[in-house]
Amino acid sequence: MNGTSDDPALQDRVELAYPAVPADVREAVRVALGAAAWWRALRWLAYGSAVLAFLVAALELLLPGEPDAGTVAETAGLGTAAIVVVRLMSRAVARAFLRAARAQGGDARVVVDAEGGRWTSRDTDTVIRWAMLPRYVETDRLFVLLTPRRAGTGFAYLPKHGLADPADADRLRALLDRHSSRV
């Protein structure tokens, strides 16, 4: 290993440095939840419940006889609440994740190599091997690394703005393709 760009160890290694930015965290959470079957099922359940609640309210209003204002208000309120909760859930998760990331102390520094990823900040040093990050999604802003389907919705994210050189995105993509599967 001579430290040149021809060095295979350096070719299979990409470094990033970045602060925890709200837009990055929101996008990473959105991607991670979108890849989770339980989240998709919960969203469908919430929207289905909302539609059902609105139908009950509409029937109460349209059927002959005097509509019960309490029933209409309750069912419409339940439908609205279901939609609001499911829409705010990912934002709440992102906000909690962002607070935790910022509490770890400043910018994250990441080294991604053949072993996996190593995230360091002022107060933390975490290594995650490829076996725990076998899937990834690329967006315009990020690479979002995902845990196995059976493990839930764990994730790590690598923002493209954290790369020293825009050409490093291609190197990182190639590294991810060798050790992980694109979703």
Protein backbone atom coordinates (compact mmCIF):
# COMPACT_ATOMS: atom_id res chain seq x y z
CA MET A 1 0.00 0.00 0.00
CA ASN A 2 1.71 3.08 -1.21
CA GLY A 3 -1.12 5.57 -0.63
CA THR A 4 -1.68 6.25 -4.32
CA SER A 5 -5.02 6.11 -6.04
CA ASP A 6 -3.91 2.77 -7.56
CA ASP A 7 -3.92 1.26 -4.08
CA PRO A 8 -6.80 -1.30 -3.99
CA ALA A 9 -7.48 -0.62 -0.30
CA LEU A 10 -8.06 3.06 -1.04
CA GLN A 11 -10.26 2.26 -4.05
CA ASP A 12 -12.52 0.22 -1.78
CA ARG A 13 -12.86 3.03 0.77
CA VAL A 14 -14.90 6.23 0.69
CA GLU A 15 -14.91 8.93 3.35
CA LEU A 16 -17.65 11.43 4.14
CA ALA A 17 -18.03 14.29 6.62
CA TYR A 18 -21.35 16.01 7.21
CA PRO A 19 -23.57 17.68 9.80
CA ALA A 20 -26.97 16.28 10.73
CA VAL A 21 -29.21 18.32 8.39
CA PRO A 22 -33.01 18.18 8.87
CA ALA A 23 -33.73 17.66 5.15
CA ASP A 24 -31.32 14.70 5.00
CA VAL A 25 -32.79 13.06 8.09
CA ARG A 26 -36.40 13.55 6.90
CA GLU A 27 -35.56 12.00 3.54
CA ALA A 28 -33.68 9.08 5.13
CA VAL A 29 -36.61 8.36 7.46
CA ARG A 30 -39.08 8.61 4.57
CA VAL A 31 -37.02 6.12 2.54
CA ALA A 32 -36.52 3.74 5.47
CA LEU A 33 -40.21 3.74 6.39
CA GLY A 34 -41.19 3.38 2.73
CA ALA A 35 -39.07 0.23 2.51
CA ALA A 36 -40.79 -1.31 5.55
CA ALA A 37 -43.79 -3.54 4.85
CA TRP A 38 -45.28 -2.82 8.30
CA TRP A 39 -45.24 0.93 7.58
CA ARG A 40 -46.97 0.51 4.23
CA ALA A 41 -49.61 -1.70 5.89
CA LEU A 42 -50.09 0.81 8.70
CA ARG A 43 -50.49 3.65 6.19
CA TRP A 44 -53.08 1.68 4.20
CA LEU A 45 -54.89 0.84 7.42
CA ALA A 46 -54.95 4.49 8.48
CA TYR A 47 -56.15 5.74 5.09
CA GLY A 48 -58.71 2.92 4.85
CA SER A 49 -60.01 3.77 8.32
CA ALA A 50 -60.23 7.43 7.35
CA VAL A 51 -62.22 6.61 4.21
CA LEU A 52 -64.54 4.39 6.23
CA ALA A 53 -65.03 7.11 8.85
CA PHE A 54 -65.82 9.71 6.18
CA LEU A 55 -68.29 7.30 4.53
CA VAL A 56 -70.07 6.78 7.85
CA ALA A 57 -70.26 10.55 8.33
CA ALA A 58 -71.56 11.03 4.79
CA LEU A 59 -74.16 8.30 5.21
CA GLU A 60 -75.32 9.87 8.46
CA LEU A 61 -75.79 13.15 6.61
CA LEU A 62 -77.41 11.68 3.48
CA LEU A 63 -79.74 9.05 4.89
CA PRO A 64 -83.35 10.03 5.57
CA GLY A 65 -84.10 11.39 8.98
CA GLU A 66 -82.37 13.88 11.19
CA PRO A 67 -78.57 13.41 11.16
CA ASP A 68 -76.88 13.04 14.53
CA ALA A 69 -74.37 15.91 14.65
CA GLY A 70 -72.32 14.09 17.30
CA THR A 71 -71.89 10.99 15.13
CA VAL A 72 -70.93 13.09 12.10
CA ALA A 73 -68.41 15.11 14.09
CA GLU A 74 -66.90 12.04 15.80
CA THR A 75 -66.48 9.96 12.67
CA ALA A 76 -65.17 12.87 10.60
CA GLY A 77 -62.80 13.71 13.44
CA LEU A 78 -61.57 10.11 13.65
CA GLY A 79 -60.96 10.04 9.91
CA THR A 80 -59.06 13.30 10.06
CA ALA A 81 -57.06 12.14 13.07
CA ALA A 82 -56.02 8.93 11.29
CA ILE A 83 -54.69 10.91 8.34
CA VAL A 84 -52.94 13.50 10.52
CA VAL A 85 -51.26 10.85 12.69
CA VAL A 86 -49.93 8.85 9.76
CA ARG A 87 -48.70 12.03 8.03
CA LEU A 88 -46.95 13.32 11.16
CA MET A 89 -45.43 10.00 12.22
CA SER A 90 -42.46 10.11 9.86
CA ARG A 91 -41.80 13.73 10.80
CA ALA A 92 -41.84 12.84 14.49
CA VAL A 93 -39.44 9.94 13.90
CA ALA A 94 -37.15 12.20 11.85
CA ARG A 95 -37.21 14.87 14.53
CA ALA A 96 -36.28 12.36 17.25
CA PHE A 97 -33.51 10.92 15.08
CA LEU A 98 -32.16 14.41 14.34
CA ARG A 99 -32.10 15.31 18.05
CA ALA A 100 -30.23 12.09 18.82
CA ALA A 101 -27.73 12.68 16.00
CA ARG A 102 -27.07 16.26 17.11
CA ALA A 103 -26.69 15.17 20.74
CA GLN A 104 -23.82 12.88 19.70
CA GLY A 105 -21.70 15.90 19.11
CA GLY A 106 -21.23 17.71 15.87
CA ASP A 107 -20.46 16.53 12.40
CA ALA A 108 -20.40 12.85 11.51
CA ARG A 109 -17.35 11.40 9.87
CA VAL A 110 -17.91 8.15 8.01
CA VAL A 111 -15.60 5.64 6.41
CA VAL A 112 -17.29 3.09 4.16
CA ASP A 113 -15.12 0.18 3.10
CA ALA A 114 -15.21 -3.56 2.40
CA GLU A 115 -16.07 -4.27 6.05
CA GLY A 116 -19.06 -1.90 6.30
CA GLY A 117 -19.36 1.60 7.68
CA ARG A 118 -17.79 3.39 10.63
CA TRP A 119 -19.58 6.49 11.90
CA THR A 120 -17.74 8.75 14.33
CA SER A 121 -18.60 12.03 15.98
CA ARG A 122 -17.39 13.84 19.06
CA ASP A 123 -19.09 11.39 21.44
CA THR A 124 -19.67 8.21 19.43
CA ASP A 125 -17.89 5.62 17.34
CA THR A 126 -20.14 3.05 15.68
CA VAL A 127 -19.26 0.27 13.26
CA ILE A 128 -21.97 -1.45 11.23
CA ARG A 129 -20.97 -4.43 9.10
CA TRP A 130 -22.53 -5.19 5.71
CA ALA A 131 -24.56 -8.08 7.16
CA MET A 132 -26.68 -5.46 8.97
CA LEU A 133 -26.89 -3.15 5.94
CA PRO A 134 -27.59 -5.51 3.03
CA ARG A 135 -29.88 -3.12 1.13
CA TYR A 136 -29.66 0.49 0.00
CA VAL A 137 -31.69 3.13 -1.79
CA GLU A 138 -30.15 6.02 -3.71
CA THR A 139 -31.99 9.33 -3.93
CA ASP A 140 -30.89 12.64 -5.42
CA ARG A 141 -29.44 13.67 -2.04
CA LEU A 142 -28.57 10.46 -0.20
CA PHE A 143 -27.57 6.86 -0.07
CA VAL A 144 -29.84 5.27 2.55
CA LEU A 145 -28.50 1.97 3.89
CA LEU A 146 -31.19 -0.37 5.22
CA THR A 147 -31.18 -3.28 7.63
CA PRO A 148 -32.47 -6.67 6.47
CA ARG A 149 -36.25 -6.92 6.04
CA ARG A 150 -36.50 -9.31 8.99
CA ALA A 151 -34.65 -6.86 11.26
CA GLY A 152 -37.16 -4.02 10.96
CA THR A 153 -36.47 -0.50 9.79
CA GLY A 154 -32.97 0.30 10.91
CA PHE A 155 -31.06 2.57 8.60
CA ALA A 156 -28.01 4.73 8.13
CA TYR A 157 -27.66 7.50 5.62
CA LEU A 158 -24.80 8.93 3.60
CA PRO A 159 -25.51 12.38 2.14
CA LYS A 160 -23.87 13.10 -1.18
CA HIS A 161 -22.94 16.59 0.05
CA GLY A 162 -20.69 14.87 2.61
CA LEU A 163 -18.39 13.55 -0.09
CA ALA A 164 -15.14 15.44 -0.65
CA ASP A 165 -15.42 15.16 -4.43
CA PRO A 166 -18.57 14.64 -6.54
CA ALA A 167 -16.74 11.79 -8.33
CA ASP A 168 -16.71 9.96 -4.98
CA ALA A 169 -20.44 9.31 -5.45
CA ASP A 170 -19.59 6.88 -8.25
CA ARG A 171 -16.97 5.18 -6.10
CA LEU A 172 -19.44 4.93 -3.20
CA ARG A 173 -22.16 3.56 -5.49
CA ALA A 174 -19.73 0.91 -6.81
CA LEU A 175 -18.72 0.01 -3.25
CA LEU A 176 -22.35 -0.31 -2.20
CA ASP A 177 -23.14 -2.40 -5.25
CA ARG A 178 -20.34 -4.82 -4.30
CA HIS A 179 -21.47 -5.25 -0.69
CA SER A 180 -25.18 -4.41 -0.67
CA SER A 181 -28.23 -4.71 -2.93
CA ARG A 182 -29.94 -1.72 -4.48
CA VAL A 183 -33.65 -1.54 -3.62
